[in-house]
Amino acid sequence: MFLNPKKALDYLKFIIDNKIMEIAYTFWEADDGWFVGYLNSYPDHLTQGHNLEELEIMLSDIYQIRQEEEKRLSQKRKNGILHIKVPA
């Protein structure tokens, strides 16, 4: 990606200093011209935007909301084991 090692280091410093992370997403342009996409981590949460920039803003919002939900729910979640009788 970078040919210049100093630029690569500057980029990494910017990412670290600004607490920026890279999150993969999938998108496409729909027949009506809207950009539709989802975060690969949350494929059930589709969103759309008039353009790619607006779609990325919407995807960022989904990420923030999901992170807040995870924090809230992680304190309430419990695990269980389900026993199911298998027919003979």
PDB file of N, CA and C in Angstrom:
ATOM      1  N   MET A   1       0.818  -1.187   0.000  1.00  0.00           N
ATOM      2  CA  MET A   1       0.000   0.000   0.000  1.00  0.00           C
ATOM      3  C   MET A   1       0.867   1.257   0.000  1.00  0.00           C
ATOM      4  N   PHE A   2       1.915   1.286   0.815  1.00  0.00           N
ATOM      5  CA  PHE A   2       2.780   2.456   0.904  1.00  0.00           C
ATOM      6  C   PHE A   2       4.156   2.110   0.355  1.00  0.00           C
ATOM      7  N   LEU A   3       4.674   2.981  -0.491  1.00  0.00           N
ATOM      8  CA  LEU A   3       6.034   2.801  -0.976  1.00  0.00           C
ATOM      9  C   LEU A   3       7.030   3.488  -0.056  1.00  0.00           C
ATOM     10  N   ASN A   4       6.578   4.502   0.636  1.00  0.00           N
ATOM     11  CA  ASN A   4       7.430   5.290   1.505  1.00  0.00           C
ATOM     12  C   ASN A   4       7.223   4.842   2.959  1.00  0.00           C
ATOM     13  N   PRO A   5       8.263   4.283   3.599  1.00  0.00           N
ATOM     14  CA  PRO A   5       8.112   3.815   4.985  1.00  0.00           C
ATOM     15  C   PRO A   5       7.677   4.918   5.948  1.00  0.00           C
ATOM     16  N   LYS A   6       8.126   6.157   5.740  1.00  0.00           N
ATOM     17  CA  LYS A   6       7.718   7.255   6.629  1.00  0.00           C
ATOM     18  C   LYS A   6       6.214   7.497   6.516  1.00  0.00           C
ATOM     19  N   LYS A   7       5.673   7.456   5.301  1.00  0.00           N
ATOM     20  CA  LYS A   7       4.229   7.641   5.130  1.00  0.00           C
ATOM     21  C   LYS A   7       3.468   6.508   5.818  1.00  0.00           C
ATOM     22  N   ALA A   8       3.994   5.303   5.732  1.00  0.00           N
ATOM     23  CA  ALA A   8       3.346   4.166   6.388  1.00  0.00           C
ATOM     24  C   ALA A   8       3.332   4.369   7.900  1.00  0.00           C
ATOM     25  N   LEU A   9       4.449   4.817   8.457  1.00  0.00           N
ATOM     26  CA  LEU A   9       4.513   5.060   9.900  1.00  0.00           C
ATOM     27  C   LEU A   9       3.596   6.215  10.311  1.00  0.00           C
ATOM     28  N   ASP A  10       3.553   7.269   9.499  1.00  0.00           N
ATOM     29  CA  ASP A  10       2.660   8.394   9.784  1.00  0.00           C
ATOM     30  C   ASP A  10       1.202   7.931   9.782  1.00  0.00           C
ATOM     31  N   TYR A  11       0.859   7.076   8.825  1.00  0.00           N
ATOM     32  CA  TYR A  11      -0.503   6.551   8.745  1.00  0.00           C
ATOM     33  C   TYR A  11      -0.829   5.725   9.989  1.00  0.00           C
ATOM     34  N   LEU A  12       0.057   4.844  10.385  1.00  0.00           N
ATOM     35  CA  LEU A  12      -0.168   4.029  11.582  1.00  0.00           C
ATOM     36  C   LEU A  12      -0.287   4.897  12.828  1.00  0.00           C
ATOM     37  N   LYS A  13       0.541   5.927  12.938  1.00  0.00           N
ATOM     38  CA  LYS A  13       0.462   6.835  14.080  1.00  0.00           C
ATOM     39  C   LYS A  13      -0.888   7.544  14.104  1.00  0.00           C
ATOM     40  N   PHE A  14      -1.367   7.984  12.934  1.00  0.00           N
ATOM     41  CA  PHE A  14      -2.678   8.630  12.842  1.00  0.00           C
ATOM     42  C   PHE A  14      -3.776   7.673  13.299  1.00  0.00           C
ATOM     43  N   ILE A  15      -3.720   6.439  12.841  1.00  0.00           N
ATOM     44  CA  ILE A  15      -4.722   5.432  13.207  1.00  0.00           C
ATOM     45  C   ILE A  15      -4.722   5.216  14.723  1.00  0.00           C
ATOM     46  N   ILE A  16      -3.554   5.057  15.305  1.00  0.00           N
ATOM     47  CA  ILE A  16      -3.434   4.799  16.743  1.00  0.00           C
ATOM     48  C   ILE A  16      -3.849   6.021  17.553  1.00  0.00           C
ATOM     49  N   ASP A  17      -3.350   7.193  17.193  1.00  0.00           N
ATOM     50  CA  ASP A  17      -3.647   8.418  17.939  1.00  0.00           C
ATOM     51  C   ASP A  17      -5.138   8.764  17.913  1.00  0.00           C
ATOM     52  N   ASN A  18      -5.792   8.478  16.814  1.00  0.00           N
ATOM     53  CA  ASN A  18      -7.197   8.833  16.670  1.00  0.00           C
ATOM     54  C   ASN A  18      -8.132   7.665  16.951  1.00  0.00           C
ATOM     55  N   LYS A  19      -7.567   6.569  17.446  1.00  0.00           N
ATOM     56  CA  LYS A  19      -8.356   5.384  17.792  1.00  0.00           C
ATOM     57  C   LYS A  19      -9.258   4.963  16.638  1.00  0.00           C
ATOM     58  N   ILE A  20      -8.674   4.912  15.464  1.00  0.00           N
ATOM     59  CA  ILE A  20      -9.404   4.501  14.275  1.00  0.00           C
ATOM     60  C   ILE A  20      -9.117   3.028  14.024  1.00  0.00           C
ATOM     61  N   MET A  21     -10.170   2.296  13.693  1.00  0.00           N
ATOM     62  CA  MET A  21      -9.986   0.895  13.363  1.00  0.00           C
ATOM     63  C   MET A  21     -10.591   0.639  11.990  1.00  0.00           C
ATOM     64  N   GLU A  22     -10.103  -0.385  11.353  1.00  0.00           N
ATOM     65  CA  GLU A  22     -10.629  -0.756  10.051  1.00  0.00           C
ATOM     66  C   GLU A  22     -11.628  -1.883  10.237  1.00  0.00           C
ATOM     67  N   ILE A  23     -12.806  -1.723   9.644  1.00  0.00           N
ATOM     68  CA  ILE A  23     -13.860  -2.723   9.737  1.00  0.00           C
ATOM     69  C   ILE A  23     -14.299  -3.060   8.316  1.00  0.00           C
ATOM     70  N   ALA A  24     -14.278  -4.337   7.993  1.00  0.00           N
ATOM     71  CA  ALA A  24     -14.644  -4.777   6.644  1.00  0.00           C
ATOM     72  C   ALA A  24     -16.151  -4.704   6.449  1.00  0.00           C
ATOM     73  N   TYR A  25     -16.552  -4.301   5.246  1.00  0.00           N
ATOM     74  CA  TYR A  25     -17.970  -4.290   4.905  1.00  0.00           C
ATOM     75  C   TYR A  25     -18.156  -4.690   3.450  1.00  0.00           C
ATOM     76  N   THR A  26     -19.370  -5.089   3.140  1.00  0.00           N
ATOM     77  CA  THR A  26     -19.747  -5.485   1.789  1.00  0.00           C
ATOM     78  C   THR A  26     -20.802  -4.503   1.295  1.00  0.00           C
ATOM     79  N   PHE A  27     -20.701  -4.078   0.031  1.00  0.00           N
ATOM     80  CA  PHE A  27     -21.680  -3.129  -0.488  1.00  0.00           C
ATOM     81  C   PHE A  27     -21.900  -3.354  -1.983  1.00  0.00           C
ATOM     82  N   TRP A  28     -22.985  -2.800  -2.469  1.00  0.00           N
ATOM     83  CA  TRP A  28     -23.287  -2.824  -3.892  1.00  0.00           C
ATOM     84  C   TRP A  28     -24.201  -1.643  -4.203  1.00  0.00           C
ATOM     85  N   GLU A  29     -24.248  -1.306  -5.473  1.00  0.00           N
ATOM     86  CA  GLU A  29     -25.159  -0.247  -5.902  1.00  0.00           C
ATOM     87  C   GLU A  29     -26.432  -0.913  -6.405  1.00  0.00           C
ATOM     88  N   ALA A  30     -27.551  -0.568  -5.797  1.00  0.00           N
ATOM     89  CA  ALA A  30     -28.840  -1.143  -6.163  1.00  0.00           C
ATOM     90  C   ALA A  30     -29.316  -0.555  -7.493  1.00  0.00           C
ATOM     91  N   ASP A  31     -30.319  -1.179  -8.058  1.00  0.00           N
ATOM     92  CA  ASP A  31     -30.861  -0.722  -9.341  1.00  0.00           C
ATOM     93  C   ASP A  31     -31.377   0.712  -9.284  1.00  0.00           C
ATOM     94  N   ASP A  32     -31.824   1.144  -8.111  1.00  0.00           N
ATOM     95  CA  ASP A  32     -32.343   2.508  -7.969  1.00  0.00           C
ATOM     96  C   ASP A  32     -31.253   3.540  -7.690  1.00  0.00           C
ATOM     97  N   GLY A  33     -29.974   3.099  -7.689  1.00  0.00           N
ATOM     98  CA  GLY A  33     -28.861   4.023  -7.499  1.00  0.00           C
ATOM     99  C   GLY A  33     -28.379   4.172  -6.066  1.00  0.00           C
ATOM    100  N   TRP A  34     -29.115   3.625  -5.110  1.00  0.00           N
ATOM    101  CA  TRP A  34     -28.692   3.693  -3.716  1.00  0.00           C
ATOM    102  C   TRP A  34     -27.553   2.698  -3.486  1.00  0.00           C
ATOM    103  N   PHE A  35     -26.689   3.031  -2.535  1.00  0.00           N
ATOM    104  CA  PHE A  35     -25.635   2.110  -2.128  1.00  0.00           C
ATOM    105  C   PHE A  35     -26.132   1.345  -0.906  1.00  0.00           C
ATOM    106  N   VAL A  36     -26.106   0.027  -0.993  1.00  0.00           N
ATOM    107  CA  VAL A  36     -26.606  -0.845   0.060  1.00  0.00           C
ATOM    108  C   VAL A  36     -25.427  -1.639   0.590  1.00  0.00           C
ATOM    109  N   GLY A  37     -25.396  -1.869   1.917  1.00  0.00           N
ATOM    110  CA  GLY A  37     -24.288  -2.634   2.453  1.00  0.00           C
ATOM    111  C   GLY A  37     -24.512  -3.073   3.882  1.00  0.00           C
ATOM    112  N   TYR A  38     -23.549  -3.839   4.362  1.00  0.00           N
ATOM    113  CA  TYR A  38     -23.573  -4.329   5.738  1.00  0.00           C
ATOM    114  C   TYR A  38     -22.142  -4.548   6.212  1.00  0.00           C
ATOM    115  N   LEU A  39     -21.981  -4.490   7.521  1.00  0.00           N
ATOM    116  CA  LEU A  39     -20.697  -4.825   8.126  1.00  0.00           C
ATOM    117  C   LEU A  39     -20.550  -6.337   8.063  1.00  0.00           C
ATOM    118  N   ASN A  40     -19.395  -6.820   7.662  1.00  0.00           N
ATOM    119  CA  ASN A  40     -19.203  -8.268   7.558  1.00  0.00           C
ATOM    120  C   ASN A  40     -19.401  -8.954   8.903  1.00  0.00           C
ATOM    121  N   SER A  41     -19.171  -8.249   9.990  1.00  0.00           N
ATOM    122  CA  SER A  41     -19.381  -8.797  11.333  1.00  0.00           C
ATOM    123  C   SER A  41     -20.867  -8.909  11.675  1.00  0.00           C
ATOM    124  N   TYR A  42     -21.694  -8.103  11.016  1.00  0.00           N
ATOM    125  CA  TYR A  42     -23.132  -8.066  11.298  1.00  0.00           C
ATOM    126  C   TYR A  42     -23.917  -8.118   9.980  1.00  0.00           C
ATOM    127  N   PRO A  43     -23.887  -9.225   9.267  1.00  0.00           N
ATOM    128  CA  PRO A  43     -24.510  -9.281   7.940  1.00  0.00           C
ATOM    129  C   PRO A  43     -26.031  -9.138   7.953  1.00  0.00           C
ATOM    130  N   ASP A  44     -26.662  -9.296   9.100  1.00  0.00           N
ATOM    131  CA  ASP A  44     -28.119  -9.154   9.172  1.00  0.00           C
ATOM    132  C   ASP A  44     -28.567  -7.705   9.294  1.00  0.00           C
ATOM    133  N   HIS A  45     -27.640  -6.779   9.401  1.00  0.00           N
ATOM    134  CA  HIS A  45     -27.971  -5.366   9.595  1.00  0.00           C
ATOM    135  C   HIS A  45     -27.655  -4.582   8.313  1.00  0.00           C
ATOM    136  N   LEU A  46     -28.546  -4.658   7.354  1.00  0.00           N
ATOM    137  CA  LEU A  46     -28.377  -3.915   6.100  1.00  0.00           C
ATOM    138  C   LEU A  46     -28.692  -2.442   6.316  1.00  0.00           C
ATOM    139  N   THR A  47     -28.002  -1.593   5.566  1.00  0.00           N
ATOM    140  CA  THR A  47     -28.314  -0.167   5.569  1.00  0.00           C
ATOM    141  C   THR A  47     -28.035   0.370   4.180  1.00  0.00           C
ATOM    142  N   GLN A  48     -28.369   1.629   3.958  1.00  0.00           N
ATOM    143  CA  GLN A  48     -28.182   2.203   2.631  1.00  0.00           C
ATOM    144  C   GLN A  48     -27.853   3.683   2.725  1.00  0.00           C
ATOM    145  N   GLY A  49     -27.335   4.202   1.623  1.00  0.00           N
ATOM    146  CA  GLY A  49     -27.031   5.624   1.536  1.00  0.00           C
ATOM    147  C   GLY A  49     -27.146   6.093   0.099  1.00  0.00           C
ATOM    148  N   HIS A  50     -27.338   7.390  -0.074  1.00  0.00           N
ATOM    149  CA  HIS A  50     -27.419   7.962  -1.425  1.00  0.00           C
ATOM    150  C   HIS A  50     -26.109   7.783  -2.181  1.00  0.00           C
ATOM    151  N   ASN A  51     -24.999   7.765  -1.441  1.00  0.00           N
ATOM    152  CA  ASN A  51     -23.681   7.584  -2.043  1.00  0.00           C
ATOM    153  C   ASN A  51     -22.825   6.760  -1.077  1.00  0.00           C
ATOM    154  N   LEU A  52     -21.616   6.446  -1.493  1.00  0.00           N
ATOM    155  CA  LEU A  52     -20.753   5.589  -0.675  1.00  0.00           C
ATOM    156  C   LEU A  52     -20.388   6.249   0.649  1.00  0.00           C
ATOM    157  N   GLU A  53     -20.162   7.550   0.646  1.00  0.00           N
ATOM    158  CA  GLU A  53     -19.823   8.263   1.879  1.00  0.00           C
ATOM    159  C   GLU A  53     -20.963   8.171   2.891  1.00  0.00           C
ATOM    160  N   GLU A  54     -22.197   8.376   2.427  1.00  0.00           N
ATOM    161  CA  GLU A  54     -23.348   8.288   3.322  1.00  0.00           C
ATOM    162  C   GLU A  54     -23.527   6.853   3.835  1.00  0.00           C
ATOM    163  N   LEU A  55     -23.293   5.866   2.969  1.00  0.00           N
ATOM    164  CA  LEU A  55     -23.374   4.471   3.402  1.00  0.00           C
ATOM    165  C   LEU A  55     -22.362   4.198   4.512  1.00  0.00           C
ATOM    166  N   GLU A  56     -21.140   4.691   4.367  1.00  0.00           N
ATOM    167  CA  GLU A  56     -20.118   4.470   5.397  1.00  0.00           C
ATOM    168  C   GLU A  56     -20.504   5.127   6.718  1.00  0.00           C
ATOM    169  N   ILE A  57     -21.166   6.265   6.676  1.00  0.00           N
ATOM    170  CA  ILE A  57     -21.648   6.914   7.902  1.00  0.00           C
ATOM    171  C   ILE A  57     -22.698   6.027   8.566  1.00  0.00           C
ATOM    172  N   MET A  58     -23.616   5.504   7.768  1.00  0.00           N
ATOM    173  CA  MET A  58     -24.655   4.624   8.308  1.00  0.00           C
ATOM    174  C   MET A  58     -24.046   3.345   8.905  1.00  0.00           C
ATOM    175  N   LEU A  59     -23.045   2.800   8.237  1.00  0.00           N
ATOM    176  CA  LEU A  59     -22.374   1.599   8.742  1.00  0.00           C
ATOM    177  C   LEU A  59     -21.649   1.888  10.048  1.00  0.00           C
ATOM    178  N   SER A  60     -21.053   3.068  10.149  1.00  0.00           N
ATOM    179  CA  SER A  60     -20.388   3.462  11.395  1.00  0.00           C
ATOM    180  C   SER A  60     -21.397   3.543  12.537  1.00  0.00           C
ATOM    181  N   ASP A  61     -22.575   4.079  12.240  1.00  0.00           N
ATOM    182  CA  ASP A  61     -23.629   4.154  13.256  1.00  0.00           C
ATOM    183  C   ASP A  61     -24.037   2.761  13.722  1.00  0.00           C
ATOM    184  N   ILE A  62     -24.185   1.833  12.775  1.00  0.00           N
ATOM    185  CA  ILE A  62     -24.539   0.456  13.144  1.00  0.00           C
ATOM    186  C   ILE A  62     -23.470  -0.128  14.055  1.00  0.00           C
ATOM    187  N   TYR A  63     -22.218   0.103  13.732  1.00  0.00           N
ATOM    188  CA  TYR A  63     -21.139  -0.430  14.566  1.00  0.00           C
ATOM    189  C   TYR A  63     -21.218   0.126  15.986  1.00  0.00           C
ATOM    190  N   GLN A  64     -21.423   1.431  16.106  1.00  0.00           N
ATOM    191  CA  GLN A  64     -21.500   2.062  17.429  1.00  0.00           C
ATOM    192  C   GLN A  64     -22.681   1.507  18.232  1.00  0.00           C
ATOM    193  N   ILE A  65     -23.831   1.377  17.588  1.00  0.00           N
ATOM    194  CA  ILE A  65     -25.018   0.852  18.266  1.00  0.00           C
ATOM    195  C   ILE A  65     -24.780  -0.585  18.725  1.00  0.00           C
ATOM    196  N   ARG A  66     -24.206  -1.406  17.866  1.00  0.00           N
ATOM    197  CA  ARG A  66     -23.945  -2.809  18.223  1.00  0.00           C
ATOM    198  C   ARG A  66     -22.951  -2.901  19.388  1.00  0.00           C
ATOM    199  N   GLN A  67     -21.961  -2.041  19.416  1.00  0.00           N
ATOM    200  CA  GLN A  67     -20.989  -2.054  20.513  1.00  0.00           C
ATOM    201  C   GLN A  67     -21.661  -1.690  21.832  1.00  0.00           C
ATOM    202  N   GLU A  68     -22.536  -0.692  21.804  1.00  0.00           N
ATOM    203  CA  GLU A  68     -23.268  -0.306  23.015  1.00  0.00           C
ATOM    204  C   GLU A  68     -24.172  -1.445  23.487  1.00  0.00           C
ATOM    205  N   GLU A  69     -24.838  -2.110  22.543  1.00  0.00           N
ATOM    206  CA  GLU A  69     -25.693  -3.247  22.893  1.00  0.00           C
ATOM    207  C   GLU A  69     -24.879  -4.377  23.508  1.00  0.00           C
ATOM    208  N   GLU A  70     -23.720  -4.634  22.932  1.00  0.00           N
ATOM    209  CA  GLU A  70     -22.869  -5.704  23.453  1.00  0.00           C
ATOM    210  C   GLU A  70     -22.452  -5.424  24.898  1.00  0.00           C
ATOM    211  N   LYS A  71     -22.100  -4.190  25.191  1.00  0.00           N
ATOM    212  CA  LYS A  71     -21.721  -3.832  26.558  1.00  0.00           C
ATOM    213  C   LYS A  71     -22.880  -4.052  27.516  1.00  0.00           C
ATOM    214  N   ARG A  72     -24.073  -3.595  27.101  1.00  0.00           N
ATOM    215  CA  ARG A  72     -25.252  -3.705  27.953  1.00  0.00           C
ATOM    216  C   ARG A  72     -25.668  -5.165  28.137  1.00  0.00           C
ATOM    217  N   LEU A  73     -25.671  -5.924  27.062  1.00  0.00           N
ATOM    218  CA  LEU A  73     -26.143  -7.305  27.130  1.00  0.00           C
ATOM    219  C   LEU A  73     -25.126  -8.272  27.717  1.00  0.00           C
ATOM    220  N   SER A  74     -23.858  -7.939  27.632  1.00  0.00           N
ATOM    221  CA  SER A  74     -22.835  -8.871  28.132  1.00  0.00           C
ATOM    222  C   SER A  74     -22.987  -9.107  29.634  1.00  0.00           C
ATOM    223  N   GLN A  75     -23.558  -8.156  30.343  1.00  0.00           N
ATOM    224  CA  GLN A  75     -23.763  -8.307  31.779  1.00  0.00           C
ATOM    225  C   GLN A  75     -24.990  -9.160  32.078  1.00  0.00           C
ATOM    226  N   LYS A  76     -25.903  -9.284  31.119  1.00  0.00           N
ATOM    227  CA  LYS A  76     -27.150 -10.006  31.342  1.00  0.00           C
ATOM    228  C   LYS A  76     -27.161 -11.399  30.721  1.00  0.00           C
ATOM    229  N   ARG A  77     -26.262 -11.660  29.799  1.00  0.00           N
ATOM    230  CA  ARG A  77     -26.278 -12.925  29.077  1.00  0.00           C
ATOM    231  C   ARG A  77     -25.899 -14.092  29.970  1.00  0.00           C
ATOM    232  N   LYS A  78     -26.585 -15.172  29.733  1.00  0.00           N
ATOM    233  CA  LYS A  78     -26.296 -16.425  30.431  1.00  0.00           C
ATOM    234  C   LYS A  78     -26.171 -17.519  29.378  1.00  0.00           C
ATOM    235  N   ASN A  79     -25.461 -18.563  29.688  1.00  0.00           N
ATOM    236  CA  ASN A  79     -25.329 -19.707  28.807  1.00  0.00           C
ATOM    237  C   ASN A  79     -26.087 -20.878  29.381  1.00  0.00           C
ATOM    238  N   GLY A  80     -26.614 -21.705  28.517  1.00  0.00           N
ATOM    239  CA  GLY A  80     -27.328 -22.894  28.960  1.00  0.00           C
ATOM    240  C   GLY A  80     -27.047 -24.034  28.006  1.00  0.00           C
ATOM    241  N   ILE A  81     -27.461 -25.214  28.409  1.00  0.00           N
ATOM    242  CA  ILE A  81     -27.324 -26.392  27.576  1.00  0.00           C
ATOM    243  C   ILE A  81     -28.716 -26.972  27.395  1.00  0.00           C
ATOM    244  N   LEU A  82     -29.086 -27.199  26.175  1.00  0.00           N
ATOM    245  CA  LEU A  82     -30.398 -27.733  25.849  1.00  0.00           C
ATOM    246  C   LEU A  82     -30.260 -29.233  25.579  1.00  0.00           C
ATOM    247  N   HIS A  83     -31.101 -30.023  26.230  1.00  0.00           N
ATOM    248  CA  HIS A  83     -31.107 -31.478  26.034  1.00  0.00           C
ATOM    249  C   HIS A  83     -32.319 -31.814  25.176  1.00  0.00           C
ATOM    250  N   ILE A  84     -32.087 -32.431  24.038  1.00  0.00           N
ATOM    251  CA  ILE A  84     -33.157 -32.759  23.104  1.00  0.00           C
ATOM    252  C   ILE A  84     -33.213 -34.262  22.903  1.00  0.00           C
ATOM    253  N   LYS A  85     -34.406 -34.804  23.027  1.00  0.00           N
ATOM    254  CA  LYS A  85     -34.601 -36.223  22.801  1.00  0.00           C
ATOM    255  C   LYS A  85     -34.615 -36.467  21.300  1.00  0.00           C
ATOM    256  N   VAL A  86     -33.752 -37.359  20.860  1.00  0.00           N
ATOM    257  CA  VAL A  86     -33.637 -37.694  19.434  1.00  0.00           C
ATOM    258  C   VAL A  86     -34.543 -38.860  19.125  1.00  0.00           C
ATOM    259  N   PRO A  87     -35.420 -38.726  18.120  1.00  0.00           N
ATOM    260  CA  PRO A  87     -36.300 -39.848  17.791  1.00  0.00           C
ATOM    261  C   PRO A  87     -35.512 -41.091  17.357  1.00  0.00           C
ATOM    262  N   ALA A  88     -36.021 -42.236  17.707  1.00  0.00           N
ATOM    263  CA  ALA A  88     -35.349 -43.500  17.388  1.00  0.00           C
ATOM    264  C   ALA A  88     -35.505 -43.852  15.934  1.00  0.00           C
TER     265      ALA A  88
END
